[in-house]
Amino acid sequence: MLITKVISPNDLLGGTVSERTHCLQAIINDMLEAGGGQLNLTAGVYEVGSLELGSNFTLFLEAGAVLKFSHETDVYPPVESRWEGATQTVYRACLYGSHLKRVKITGEGVVDGRGKEWWRRFDEQAAELEYPRPYLCSIEHSEQVVIEDVTFVNSPAWTLHPFDCENVVINNVTVVNPKNSPNTDGLDPESCRNIRITNCCFDVGDDCIAIKSGTEDASRLIACENIIISGCNMVHGHGGVVFGSEMSGDIRNVTISNCVFQDTDRGIRFKTRRGRGGRISEISVNNIVMDNVLCPLIINSYYFCGKRGNEAYVWTKEALPVDERTPKLSNLSFSHLIATNIRSCAGFIYGLPEMAISNVTLSDVRFELSKDSQPEAPAMIADAPELARVGLFIENTVGTRLRDVQVTGAQSLFYNNKNNKELVIND
């Protein structure tokens, strides 16, 4: 029979962060050696370094419990993980687990990454950062992962990072990072299968949810697939729900519904480029309300951030040969969308001339442009036009269908309509 153990901050012996970390980790290890169980942290502040979780284990933070992580690098041992899609050594996550079965993080408490010092080091490119910053929570190569009810704040980098996991539930979680904090995505499911993300709130400094599958590493690419995102609120952030840009291993079978985006730079955002290959397909987005977004829908095949993003191979608008490095996007459906106070353009869909985006459907969509906006580039693309109060930018697609699409505040439905084969409007 699995045990439940209850501890308070006074149970952590030692005066240094390292000593307290060792004490708490020893408690966890003893439980894991006995087969697992539930560890309850009662109200109070627990200042520690990176902790490693295990199988058949539940970490329960009672109301008032604050798991506060140190910014001292020596309490974050280096491990091999993924960073921006590539395998490399990183500082181990504040909460970490690998090759687990049945692990759960829950309760009404707070996990505080105390990211301010990590962000300063990143901004100043401080020499003491030998490895990339730790994630706040990274569970890797695992099955039956549940994260629910907990509030996560001030992450050093990405906040929640399930990587190569199967059967993942993220429910009723709140993530809050300052809107100017670098790379503090709310949730980055990477190369995972069977994921349910429900009833969560993300208020962050980068993408709220970003779905990924690795990049340019053919020996280690795994698709991210079978994903449900429902009933979530997105506030601030560079994108509400984002696909990529690291998606060389494919992203498929994703449903996003019944969400509200407020003050996100972009709403639904696809970003990839030549050199990354991979395919994004079978995506359904419906019943989404957005307000004060730069652009509600971005499908960008010329995304330029990251290594080699400034090469002519990436940004040229000339048709190039199709090979394994060519990304493919198809079967993308968007319905019942309402977006108000749009600051740039109603939508930006830009495929490659050699690989058109295929079978995009927009139906029952209302786009309302802001009357007071100034020109801004809607997408991160070389030579991006700066736009305000304009309609749809669509180029290099095949089989696009627009049904009951209304754009108000612009002179016409389209700002750009070029090289779109089999375009059907109100069929």
Protein backbone atom coordinates (compact mmCIF):
# COMPACT_ATOMS: atom_id res chain seq x y z
CA MET A 1 0.00 0.00 0.00
CA LEU A 2 1.38 3.40 -1.00
CA ILE A 3 1.96 5.78 1.88
CA THR A 4 1.14 9.45 2.40
CA LYS A 5 3.79 11.52 4.13
CA VAL A 6 3.15 15.05 5.42
CA ILE A 7 5.97 17.54 6.01
CA SER A 8 6.34 21.23 6.85
CA PRO A 9 9.19 23.66 6.15
CA ASN A 10 10.53 22.95 9.65
CA ASP A 11 11.18 19.34 8.62
CA LEU A 12 13.87 20.43 6.12
CA LEU A 13 17.16 20.32 8.00
CA GLY A 14 20.10 22.60 7.27
CA GLY A 15 20.66 26.29 6.76
CA THR A 16 21.73 26.34 3.13
CA VAL A 17 19.71 25.79 -0.03
CA SER A 18 21.88 22.78 -0.87
CA GLU A 19 21.25 21.20 2.54
CA ARG A 20 17.49 21.75 2.35
CA THR A 21 17.40 20.36 -1.18
CA HIS A 22 19.30 17.27 -0.09
CA CYS A 23 16.92 16.77 2.83
CA LEU A 24 13.75 17.05 0.73
CA GLN A 25 15.20 14.87 -2.03
CA ALA A 26 16.10 12.23 0.57
CA ILE A 27 12.48 12.19 1.75
CA ILE A 28 11.29 11.72 -1.83
CA ASN A 29 13.87 9.00 -2.49
CA ASP A 30 12.87 7.06 0.61
CA MET A 31 9.26 7.07 -0.58
CA LEU A 32 10.27 5.95 -4.07
CA GLU A 33 12.36 3.11 -2.70
CA ALA A 34 9.25 1.95 -0.79
CA GLY A 35 7.23 1.93 -4.03
CA GLY A 36 6.00 5.53 -4.18
CA GLY A 37 3.20 7.39 -2.48
CA GLN A 38 2.00 10.94 -1.87
CA LEU A 39 4.12 13.68 -0.33
CA ASN A 40 2.07 16.54 1.15
CA LEU A 41 3.76 19.90 1.63
CA THR A 42 1.85 21.91 4.24
CA ALA A 43 1.53 25.72 4.22
CA GLY A 44 4.83 27.61 4.28
CA VAL A 45 7.84 28.38 2.11
CA TYR A 46 10.23 25.65 0.95
CA GLU A 47 13.37 27.19 -0.56
CA VAL A 48 15.22 24.47 -2.47
CA GLY A 49 16.99 23.58 -5.70
CA SER A 50 16.13 21.07 -8.43
CA LEU A 51 14.09 18.06 -7.26
CA GLU A 52 13.76 14.74 -9.06
CA LEU A 53 10.39 12.97 -8.92
CA GLY A 54 9.66 9.29 -9.50
CA SER A 55 7.10 6.71 -10.57
CA ASN A 56 3.91 6.07 -8.60
CA PHE A 57 4.47 9.39 -6.90
CA THR A 58 2.25 12.38 -6.15
CA LEU A 59 3.56 15.75 -5.03
CA PHE A 60 0.70 17.57 -3.27
CA LEU A 61 1.06 21.26 -2.37
CA GLU A 62 -1.52 22.24 0.22
CA ALA A 63 -3.06 25.73 0.14
CA GLY A 64 -0.41 28.20 1.30
CA ALA A 65 2.52 25.97 0.39
CA VAL A 66 5.12 27.72 -1.78
CA LEU A 67 7.87 25.66 -3.37
CA LYS A 68 10.41 28.41 -4.02
CA PHE A 69 13.40 27.56 -6.16
CA SER A 70 16.85 29.02 -5.76
CA HIS A 71 18.79 30.80 -8.50
CA GLU A 72 22.10 29.26 -7.34
CA THR A 73 23.36 27.24 -10.30
CA ASP A 74 25.08 24.58 -8.19
CA VAL A 75 21.72 23.11 -7.08
CA TYR A 76 20.76 22.39 -10.71
CA PRO A 77 22.79 19.41 -11.97
CA PRO A 78 23.23 19.25 -15.76
CA VAL A 79 21.14 16.71 -17.71
CA GLU A 80 20.58 15.92 -21.38
CA SER A 81 17.25 17.26 -22.63
CA ARG A 82 15.85 19.30 -25.48
CA TRP A 83 16.43 23.04 -25.74
CA GLU A 84 14.67 24.87 -28.56
CA GLY A 85 14.15 21.56 -30.35
CA ALA A 86 17.71 20.25 -30.23
CA THR A 87 19.24 17.70 -27.84
CA GLN A 88 21.80 19.25 -25.53
CA THR A 89 22.90 19.59 -21.92
CA VAL A 90 20.81 21.95 -19.79
CA TYR A 91 20.44 22.80 -16.13
CA ARG A 92 17.99 20.26 -14.72
CA ALA A 93 14.45 21.55 -14.30
CA CYS A 94 13.24 22.77 -10.92
CA LEU A 95 10.82 19.82 -10.89
CA TYR A 96 12.19 17.00 -13.02
CA GLY A 97 11.44 13.41 -13.87
CA SER A 98 12.48 10.99 -16.61
CA HIS A 99 11.28 7.51 -17.62
CA LEU A 100 8.43 7.53 -15.12
CA LYS A 101 5.01 5.92 -14.89
CA ARG A 102 2.16 7.49 -12.96
CA VAL A 103 3.50 10.80 -11.68
CA LYS A 104 1.29 13.63 -10.45
CA ILE A 105 1.78 17.24 -9.31
CA THR A 106 -1.31 18.71 -7.69
CA GLY A 107 -2.78 20.80 -4.87
CA GLU A 108 -3.63 24.45 -4.28
CA GLY A 109 -0.09 25.66 -3.65
CA VAL A 110 2.43 27.62 -5.71
CA VAL A 111 5.62 26.61 -7.53
CA ASP A 112 7.82 29.72 -7.80
CA GLY A 113 10.84 29.58 -10.11
CA ARG A 114 12.18 32.95 -8.93
CA GLY A 115 13.19 33.67 -12.50
CA LYS A 116 14.31 37.29 -12.13
CA GLU A 117 17.98 36.44 -11.59
CA TRP A 118 17.94 33.88 -14.40
CA TRP A 119 16.39 36.47 -16.76
CA ARG A 120 19.08 39.00 -15.80
CA ARG A 121 21.81 36.50 -16.58
CA PHE A 122 20.20 35.74 -19.93
CA ASP A 123 19.75 39.41 -20.85
CA GLU A 124 23.36 40.17 -19.90
CA GLN A 125 24.65 36.89 -21.40
CA ALA A 126 26.29 36.24 -18.06
CA ALA A 127 29.34 33.98 -18.13
CA GLU A 128 28.22 31.99 -15.09
CA LEU A 129 25.46 30.31 -17.12
CA GLU A 130 27.33 27.30 -18.42
CA TYR A 131 24.11 25.70 -19.69
CA PRO A 132 20.66 26.92 -20.78
CA ARG A 133 18.31 28.00 -17.98
CA PRO A 134 16.21 25.34 -16.22
CA TYR A 135 12.58 24.74 -17.05
CA LEU A 136 10.23 25.12 -14.11
CA CYS A 137 8.82 21.60 -14.62
CA SER A 138 10.05 19.06 -17.16
CA ILE A 139 8.74 15.49 -17.22
CA GLU A 140 10.44 13.45 -19.95
CA HIS A 141 10.05 9.99 -21.57
CA SER A 142 7.17 9.18 -19.23
CA GLU A 143 3.61 7.80 -19.15
CA GLN A 144 0.48 8.82 -17.26
CA VAL A 145 1.52 12.33 -16.26
CA VAL A 146 -0.96 14.57 -14.42
CA ILE A 147 -0.43 18.23 -13.49
CA GLU A 148 -3.47 19.93 -12.02
CA ASP A 149 -4.68 22.80 -9.82
CA VAL A 150 -1.20 24.14 -8.99
CA THR A 151 -0.10 27.72 -9.78
CA PHE A 152 3.30 28.12 -11.46
CA VAL A 153 5.01 31.53 -11.43
CA ASN A 154 8.27 33.23 -12.44
CA SER A 155 9.72 30.41 -14.49
CA PRO A 156 13.43 30.74 -15.42
CA ALA A 157 12.58 29.63 -19.00
CA TRP A 158 9.75 27.46 -20.36
CA THR A 159 7.33 26.69 -17.56
CA LEU A 160 5.79 23.25 -18.22
CA HIS A 161 7.67 20.93 -20.58
CA PRO A 162 6.34 17.41 -21.08
CA PHE A 163 8.78 15.80 -23.52
CA ASP A 164 8.29 12.42 -25.21
CA CYS A 165 5.43 11.60 -22.85
CA GLU A 166 2.23 9.63 -23.38
CA ASN A 167 -1.16 10.16 -21.75
CA VAL A 168 -0.65 13.62 -20.28
CA VAL A 169 -3.32 15.62 -18.41
CA ILE A 170 -2.83 19.32 -17.66
CA ASN A 171 -5.94 20.59 -15.89
CA ASN A 172 -6.95 23.73 -13.98
CA VAL A 173 -3.37 24.98 -13.91
CA THR A 174 -2.43 28.67 -13.70
CA VAL A 175 0.86 29.94 -15.14
CA VAL A 176 1.94 33.54 -14.53
CA ASN A 177 5.23 34.99 -15.77
CA PRO A 178 5.93 38.71 -16.40
CA LYS A 179 5.04 39.67 -19.94
CA ASN A 180 8.58 40.94 -20.57
CA SER A 181 10.34 37.82 -19.24
CA PRO A 182 12.41 35.99 -21.92
CA ASN A 183 11.35 32.58 -23.28
CA THR A 184 8.85 31.97 -20.48
CA ASP A 185 6.36 29.93 -22.51
CA GLY A 186 3.47 28.61 -20.45
CA LEU A 187 3.31 25.03 -21.75
CA ASP A 188 5.42 23.30 -24.40
CA PRO A 189 4.29 19.73 -25.10
CA GLU A 190 7.11 18.33 -27.21
CA SER A 191 6.99 15.03 -29.10
CA CYS A 192 4.11 13.84 -26.89
CA ARG A 193 1.11 11.63 -27.58
CA ASN A 194 -2.42 11.80 -26.18
CA ILE A 195 -2.52 15.11 -24.33
CA ARG A 196 -5.47 16.86 -22.69
CA ILE A 197 -5.03 20.52 -21.71
CA THR A 198 -8.17 21.86 -20.07
CA ASN A 199 -9.43 24.75 -17.93
CA CYS A 200 -6.04 26.45 -17.63
CA CYS A 201 -4.95 30.10 -17.53
CA PHE A 202 -1.69 31.31 -19.08
CA ASP A 203 -0.34 34.84 -18.59
CA VAL A 204 3.25 34.73 -19.81
CA GLY A 205 6.19 36.43 -21.52
CA ASP A 206 6.32 34.23 -24.63
CA ASP A 207 3.95 31.74 -26.26
CA CYS A 208 1.12 30.58 -24.00
CA ILE A 209 0.98 27.05 -25.41
CA ALA A 210 3.54 25.98 -28.03
CA ILE A 211 3.31 22.51 -29.56
CA LYS A 212 6.68 21.17 -30.74
CA SER A 213 8.37 18.03 -32.08
CA GLY A 214 12.09 18.75 -32.31
CA THR A 215 14.09 20.25 -35.12
CA GLU A 216 16.64 19.12 -37.71
CA ASP A 217 17.70 15.99 -35.81
CA ALA A 218 16.47 13.09 -37.93
CA SER A 219 17.62 10.37 -35.54
CA ARG A 220 15.51 11.65 -32.64
CA LEU A 221 12.33 13.04 -34.17
CA ILE A 222 8.99 11.98 -32.69
CA ALA A 223 5.62 13.43 -33.71
CA CYS A 224 3.47 15.43 -31.30
CA GLU A 225 -0.05 14.15 -31.83
CA ASN A 226 -3.56 13.57 -30.50
CA ILE A 227 -3.96 16.78 -28.52
CA ILE A 228 -7.05 18.42 -27.01
CA ILE A 229 -6.92 22.03 -25.78
CA SER A 230 -10.19 23.28 -24.31
CA GLY A 231 -11.58 25.86 -21.93
CA CYS A 232 -8.37 27.86 -21.52
CA ASN A 233 -7.64 31.58 -21.09
CA MET A 234 -4.56 33.13 -22.68
CA VAL A 235 -3.36 36.56 -21.57
CA HIS A 236 -0.39 38.45 -23.04
CA GLY A 237 2.25 36.24 -24.62
CA HIS A 238 3.51 36.14 -28.19
CA GLY A 239 0.85 33.64 -29.25
CA GLY A 240 -2.22 31.99 -27.78
CA VAL A 241 -1.74 28.49 -29.21
CA VAL A 242 1.33 28.01 -31.38
CA PHE A 243 2.56 25.24 -33.66
CA GLY A 244 6.36 25.14 -33.94
CA SER A 245 8.65 26.52 -34.86
CA GLU A 246 10.41 23.32 -33.86
CA MET A 247 8.19 20.80 -35.64
CA SER A 248 10.48 18.64 -37.77
CA GLY A 249 8.96 15.49 -36.25
CA ASP A 250 5.39 16.41 -37.34
CA ILE A 251 2.39 17.76 -35.44
CA ARG A 252 -1.00 16.17 -36.16
CA ASN A 253 -4.49 15.55 -34.85
CA VAL A 254 -5.01 18.65 -32.69
CA THR A 255 -8.33 20.12 -31.55
CA ILE A 256 -8.53 23.58 -29.94
CA SER A 257 -11.92 24.79 -28.70
CA ASN A 258 -13.75 27.12 -26.33
CA CYS A 259 -10.82 29.37 -25.43
CA VAL A 260 -10.41 33.13 -24.89
CA PHE A 261 -7.30 35.10 -25.90
CA GLN A 262 -6.75 38.59 -24.46
CA ASP A 263 -3.83 40.86 -25.44
CA THR A 264 -1.79 38.09 -27.07
CA ASP A 265 0.44 39.30 -29.90
CA ARG A 266 -0.93 36.59 -32.17
CA GLY A 267 -3.84 34.24 -31.69
CA ILE A 268 -3.48 30.89 -33.45
CA ARG A 269 0.05 30.81 -34.82
CA PHE A 270 1.87 28.36 -37.10
CA LYS A 271 5.57 28.98 -37.62
CA THR A 272 8.09 26.95 -39.59
CA ARG A 273 10.58 27.37 -42.42
CA ARG A 274 12.71 25.63 -44.99
CA GLY A 275 15.38 23.44 -43.45
CA ARG A 276 13.10 22.05 -40.75
CA GLY A 277 10.94 19.74 -42.83
CA GLY A 278 8.12 18.05 -40.97
CA ARG A 279 4.39 18.26 -41.47
CA ILE A 280 1.54 19.95 -39.61
CA SER A 281 -1.81 18.40 -40.47
CA GLU A 282 -5.32 17.57 -39.25
CA ILE A 283 -5.83 20.67 -37.10
CA SER A 284 -9.29 21.85 -35.95
CA VAL A 285 -9.82 25.20 -34.21
CA ASN A 286 -13.31 26.31 -33.19
CA ASN A 287 -15.21 28.54 -30.77
CA ILE A 288 -12.39 30.97 -30.00
CA VAL A 289 -12.82 34.59 -28.88
CA MET A 290 -9.90 37.04 -29.14
CA ASP A 291 -9.50 40.70 -28.22
CA ASN A 292 -6.66 43.18 -28.81
CA VAL A 293 -4.43 40.85 -30.81
CA LEU A 294 -1.87 41.85 -33.40
CA CYS A 295 -3.18 39.23 -35.80
CA PRO A 296 -5.65 36.44 -34.95
CA LEU A 297 -4.34 33.84 -37.41
CA ILE A 298 -0.74 33.42 -38.60
CA ILE A 299 0.40 30.56 -40.84
CA ASN A 300 4.00 31.42 -41.62
CA SER A 301 6.33 29.23 -43.70
CA TYR A 302 9.15 31.81 -43.52
CA TYR A 303 9.71 32.09 -39.76
CA PHE A 304 13.21 33.50 -39.31
CA CYS A 305 14.16 33.10 -35.63
CA GLY A 306 16.84 30.65 -34.52
CA LYS A 307 20.01 29.34 -36.08
CA ARG A 308 20.31 29.77 -39.86
CA GLY A 309 17.10 31.77 -39.96
CA ASN A 310 18.75 34.63 -41.85
CA GLU A 311 20.03 32.49 -44.72
CA ALA A 312 18.75 33.18 -48.23
CA TYR A 313 17.56 29.57 -48.38
CA VAL A 314 15.03 30.48 -45.69
CA TRP A 315 13.84 33.88 -46.84
CA THR A 316 13.94 33.79 -50.64
CA LYS A 317 10.51 34.02 -52.23
CA GLU A 318 11.68 32.07 -55.28
CA ALA A 319 10.56 28.46 -55.69
CA LEU A 320 13.22 25.97 -54.56
CA PRO A 321 13.48 22.19 -55.02
CA VAL A 322 11.31 20.13 -52.67
CA ASP A 323 13.17 17.71 -50.40
CA GLU A 324 13.11 16.41 -46.82
CA ARG A 325 13.88 19.93 -45.57
CA THR A 326 10.64 21.34 -46.99
CA PRO A 327 7.84 21.86 -44.42
CA LYS A 328 4.29 20.84 -45.33
CA LEU A 329 1.04 22.20 -43.88
CA SER A 330 -2.36 20.76 -44.76
CA ASN A 331 -5.93 20.21 -43.57
CA LEU A 332 -6.25 23.19 -41.24
CA SER A 333 -9.81 24.11 -40.22
CA PHE A 334 -10.91 27.26 -38.35
CA SER A 335 -14.53 27.93 -37.46
CA HIS A 336 -16.61 30.11 -35.16
CA LEU A 337 -13.88 32.65 -34.46
CA ILE A 338 -14.49 36.17 -33.15
CA ALA A 339 -11.56 38.60 -33.01
CA THR A 340 -11.98 42.26 -32.06
CA ASN A 341 -9.55 45.20 -31.89
CA ILE A 342 -7.10 43.57 -34.31
CA ARG A 343 -4.04 45.80 -34.58
CA SER A 344 -2.49 44.67 -37.88
CA CYS A 345 -4.30 42.42 -40.37
CA ALA A 346 -7.21 40.00 -40.25
CA GLY A 347 -5.06 36.98 -41.10
CA PHE A 348 -1.63 36.17 -42.52
CA ILE A 349 -1.27 32.91 -44.45
CA TYR A 350 1.98 32.58 -46.39
CA GLY A 351 3.02 29.28 -47.94
CA LEU A 352 6.13 28.46 -49.93
CA PRO A 353 5.94 28.77 -53.72
CA GLU A 354 7.26 25.21 -54.04
CA MET A 355 4.99 23.84 -51.26
CA ALA A 356 1.63 25.55 -51.00
CA ILE A 357 -0.35 25.32 -47.79
CA SER A 358 -3.22 23.01 -48.68
CA ASN A 359 -6.85 22.70 -47.60
CA VAL A 360 -7.30 25.65 -45.26
CA THR A 361 -10.91 26.32 -44.28
CA LEU A 362 -12.25 29.43 -42.51
CA SER A 363 -15.96 29.35 -41.70
CA ASP A 364 -18.24 31.56 -39.61
CA VAL A 365 -15.44 33.99 -38.75
CA ARG A 366 -15.70 37.62 -37.60
CA PHE A 367 -12.59 39.81 -37.79
CA GLU A 368 -12.86 43.39 -36.53
CA LEU A 369 -9.90 45.72 -37.13
CA SER A 370 -9.01 48.41 -34.58
CA LYS A 371 -9.62 51.97 -35.72
CA ASP A 372 -6.66 53.34 -33.75
CA SER A 373 -3.83 50.95 -34.65
CA GLN A 374 -0.53 51.90 -36.24
CA PRO A 375 1.25 49.77 -38.87
CA GLU A 376 3.02 46.70 -37.46
CA ALA A 377 4.49 43.56 -39.01
CA PRO A 378 2.02 40.75 -38.24
CA ALA A 379 4.51 37.89 -38.70
CA MET A 380 8.19 37.28 -38.04
CA ILE A 381 9.37 37.05 -41.61
CA ALA A 382 12.11 38.77 -43.61
CA ASP A 383 10.82 41.95 -45.28
CA ALA A 384 7.45 41.57 -43.56
CA PRO A 385 5.02 44.33 -44.55
CA GLU A 386 3.91 46.62 -41.74
CA LEU A 387 0.14 46.61 -41.83
CA ALA A 388 -2.80 48.21 -40.06
CA ARG A 389 -6.55 47.98 -40.67
CA VAL A 390 -6.26 45.58 -43.62
CA GLY A 391 -7.91 42.30 -44.53
CA LEU A 392 -6.46 38.89 -45.25
CA PHE A 393 -2.94 38.31 -46.55
CA ILE A 394 -3.01 34.95 -48.35
CA GLU A 395 -0.30 33.70 -50.70
CA ASN A 396 0.79 30.29 -51.99
CA THR A 397 -2.14 28.09 -50.99
CA VAL A 398 -4.24 25.44 -52.69
CA GLY A 399 -7.80 24.50 -51.82
CA THR A 400 -8.48 27.41 -49.45
CA ARG A 401 -12.18 27.84 -48.61
CA LEU A 402 -13.73 30.92 -47.01
CA ARG A 403 -17.32 30.53 -45.82
CA ASP A 404 -19.13 33.37 -44.09
CA VAL A 405 -15.93 35.31 -43.33
CA GLN A 406 -16.55 38.93 -42.34
CA VAL A 407 -13.85 41.57 -42.01
CA THR A 408 -14.86 44.98 -40.66
CA GLY A 409 -12.67 48.05 -40.47
CA ALA A 410 -10.79 47.23 -43.68
CA GLN A 411 -11.44 48.40 -47.23
CA SER A 412 -11.67 44.86 -48.59
CA LEU A 413 -11.65 41.20 -47.59
CA PHE A 414 -8.14 40.74 -49.01
CA TYR A 415 -5.04 42.84 -48.62
CA ASN A 416 -3.07 40.27 -50.63
CA ASN A 417 -4.45 37.39 -52.69
CA LYS A 418 -1.68 35.85 -54.77
CA ASN A 419 -0.98 32.40 -56.18
CA ASN A 420 -3.93 30.79 -54.42
CA LYS A 421 -5.19 27.88 -56.50
CA GLU A 422 -8.73 26.57 -56.08
CA LEU A 423 -9.68 29.41 -53.75
CA VAL A 424 -13.40 29.19 -53.00
CA ILE A 425 -15.42 31.94 -51.30
CA ASN A 426 -18.89 31.22 -49.90
CA ASP A 427 -19.42 27.98 -51.77
